[in-house]
N, C-alpha and C. Protein backbone atom coordinates (compact mmCIF):
# COMPACT_ATOMS: atom_id res chain seq x y z
N MET A 1 -18.47 -62.80 -58.62
CA MET A 1 -17.61 -63.06 -57.07
C MET A 1 -17.05 -62.06 -56.45
N LYS A 2 -17.65 -62.00 -55.60
CA LYS A 2 -17.15 -60.89 -54.51
C LYS A 2 -15.56 -60.97 -54.20
N HIS A 3 -14.62 -59.42 -54.56
CA HIS A 3 -13.96 -59.31 -54.25
C HIS A 3 -13.35 -58.66 -52.68
N TYR A 4 -12.50 -59.18 -51.84
CA TYR A 4 -12.13 -58.68 -50.18
C TYR A 4 -10.62 -57.92 -50.44
N SER A 5 -10.60 -56.67 -49.53
CA SER A 5 -9.59 -56.40 -50.07
C SER A 5 -8.59 -57.09 -49.30
N LEU A 6 -7.24 -56.99 -49.42
CA LEU A 6 -6.19 -57.85 -48.53
C LEU A 6 -6.10 -57.64 -47.04
N GLU A 7 -6.17 -56.83 -46.52
CA GLU A 7 -6.59 -56.27 -45.27
C GLU A 7 -7.67 -57.21 -44.70
N ARG A 8 -8.46 -57.29 -45.28
CA ARG A 8 -10.09 -57.83 -44.89
C ARG A 8 -9.50 -59.18 -44.77
N LYS A 9 -9.04 -60.16 -45.72
CA LYS A 9 -8.35 -61.63 -45.94
C LYS A 9 -7.91 -61.85 -44.53
N GLU A 10 -6.46 -61.06 -44.47
CA GLU A 10 -5.30 -60.84 -43.32
C GLU A 10 -6.11 -61.61 -41.71
N VAL A 11 -6.94 -60.60 -42.01
CA VAL A 11 -8.14 -60.30 -40.93
C VAL A 11 -9.02 -61.20 -40.30
N ALA A 12 -9.25 -61.94 -41.82
CA ALA A 12 -9.95 -63.04 -41.24
C ALA A 12 -9.76 -64.39 -41.13
N VAL A 13 -8.35 -64.42 -41.59
CA VAL A 13 -7.01 -65.47 -41.70
C VAL A 13 -6.70 -65.39 -40.04
N GLN A 14 -6.04 -64.44 -39.31
CA GLN A 14 -5.54 -64.15 -38.19
C GLN A 14 -6.43 -64.84 -37.25
N LYS A 15 -7.90 -64.25 -38.00
CA LYS A 15 -9.20 -65.02 -36.77
C LYS A 15 -9.11 -66.67 -37.02
N MET A 16 -8.64 -67.14 -37.78
CA MET A 16 -8.67 -68.53 -37.98
C MET A 16 -7.53 -69.34 -37.07
N MET A 17 -6.34 -68.77 -37.16
CA MET A 17 -5.17 -69.35 -36.69
C MET A 17 -4.96 -68.98 -35.12
N PRO A 18 -4.40 -69.78 -34.26
CA PRO A 18 -4.08 -69.66 -32.54
C PRO A 18 -3.62 -68.15 -32.22
N PRO A 19 -4.46 -67.78 -31.49
CA PRO A 19 -5.02 -68.38 -30.11
C PRO A 19 -6.22 -68.14 -30.21
N SER A 20 -6.82 -67.28 -31.51
CA SER A 20 -8.40 -67.52 -31.43
C SER A 20 -9.19 -68.92 -31.83
N ASN A 21 -8.35 -69.42 -33.18
CA ASN A 21 -9.21 -70.74 -33.47
C ASN A 21 -10.35 -70.12 -33.83
N THR A 22 -11.35 -69.26 -34.38
CA THR A 22 -12.68 -69.41 -34.41
C THR A 22 -12.78 -69.88 -35.68
N PRO A 23 -13.61 -70.82 -35.84
CA PRO A 23 -14.70 -71.36 -36.50
C PRO A 23 -14.96 -70.53 -37.90
N ILE A 24 -14.86 -71.32 -38.79
CA ILE A 24 -15.28 -70.89 -40.58
C ILE A 24 -17.25 -70.60 -39.81
N ALA A 25 -17.38 -71.47 -39.23
CA ALA A 25 -19.22 -71.29 -39.01
C ALA A 25 -19.14 -69.70 -38.64
N THR A 26 -18.70 -69.42 -37.78
CA THR A 26 -19.01 -68.23 -36.99
C THR A 26 -18.30 -66.86 -37.77
N LEU A 27 -17.27 -67.22 -38.73
CA LEU A 27 -16.70 -66.51 -39.40
C LEU A 27 -17.53 -65.63 -40.94
N THR A 28 -18.68 -66.34 -40.69
CA THR A 28 -19.37 -66.30 -42.44
C THR A 28 -20.46 -65.44 -42.28
N ARG A 29 -20.44 -64.80 -41.08
CA ARG A 29 -21.52 -63.83 -40.24
C ARG A 29 -20.97 -62.45 -41.72
N HIS A 30 -19.43 -62.40 -41.85
CA HIS A 30 -19.18 -61.53 -42.03
C HIS A 30 -18.70 -61.58 -44.10
N HIS A 31 -18.31 -63.14 -43.75
CA HIS A 31 -17.31 -63.35 -45.34
C HIS A 31 -18.41 -65.18 -45.74
N ARG A 32 -18.31 -64.91 -47.15
CA ARG A 32 -18.52 -66.11 -47.18
C ARG A 32 -18.10 -66.97 -46.89
N GLY A 33 -18.25 -68.37 -46.71
CA GLY A 33 -17.92 -69.94 -46.55
C GLY A 33 -17.29 -69.98 -47.12
N ASN A 34 -17.09 -70.25 -48.37
CA ASN A 34 -16.62 -71.26 -49.80
C ASN A 34 -14.80 -69.96 -49.68
N THR A 35 -15.24 -68.98 -49.50
CA THR A 35 -14.02 -68.09 -49.63
C THR A 35 -13.13 -68.37 -48.43
N LEU A 36 -13.91 -67.78 -47.05
CA LEU A 36 -12.93 -68.48 -45.96
C LEU A 36 -12.01 -69.85 -45.97
N TYR A 37 -12.82 -70.56 -46.80
CA TYR A 37 -12.39 -72.49 -46.96
C TYR A 37 -11.05 -72.06 -47.59
N ASN A 38 -11.23 -70.93 -49.01
CA ASN A 38 -9.88 -71.10 -49.94
C ASN A 38 -8.63 -70.44 -48.94
N TRP A 39 -9.15 -69.71 -48.34
CA TRP A 39 -8.29 -68.60 -47.75
C TRP A 39 -7.58 -69.38 -46.99
N ARG A 40 -8.05 -70.29 -46.24
CA ARG A 40 -7.51 -71.31 -44.86
C ARG A 40 -6.47 -72.19 -45.34
N LYS A 41 -7.17 -73.09 -47.14
CA LYS A 41 -6.48 -73.76 -47.89
C LYS A 41 -4.88 -73.31 -48.32
N GLN A 42 -5.16 -71.91 -48.51
CA GLN A 42 -4.19 -70.90 -49.42
C GLN A 42 -3.21 -70.96 -48.32
N THR A 43 -3.53 -70.70 -47.00
CA THR A 43 -2.84 -70.67 -45.70
C THR A 43 -2.07 -71.66 -45.35
N ASN A 44 -2.94 -72.42 -45.15
CA ASN A 44 -2.01 -74.19 -44.67
C ASN A 44 -1.29 -74.18 -45.98
N SER A 45 -1.73 -74.20 -47.32
CA SER A 45 -0.77 -74.77 -47.95
C SER A 45 1.31 -73.47 -48.02
N ARG A 46 1.14 -72.43 -47.49
CA ARG A 46 2.36 -71.91 -47.54
C ARG A 46 2.46 -72.45 -46.00
N GLY A 47 2.74 -73.30 -44.89
CA GLY A 47 2.75 -73.71 -44.42
C GLY A 47 2.28 -72.87 -43.08
N LEU A 48 1.76 -71.87 -42.91
CA LEU A 48 1.05 -71.94 -41.45
C LEU A 48 -0.33 -73.10 -41.47
N THR A 49 -0.66 -72.80 -40.18
CA THR A 49 -1.92 -73.71 -39.27
C THR A 49 -2.77 -73.08 -39.16
N VAL A 50 -3.67 -73.70 -39.74
CA VAL A 50 -5.03 -72.33 -39.90
C VAL A 50 -5.95 -73.61 -39.68
N TYR A 51 -6.97 -73.39 -38.64
CA TYR A 51 -7.95 -74.37 -38.20
C TYR A 51 -9.18 -74.12 -38.72
């Protein structure tokens, strides 16, 4: 399993949040899809809205 830095994770999550709302399908060019879905789920569980 590939590990990403916290900074890289935060940048990806920010891109999924308003006002950008970048779809995961677009972000998969730079990150694995499953990783992005997990990050989105973790962020949503903390009460932040990520699409």
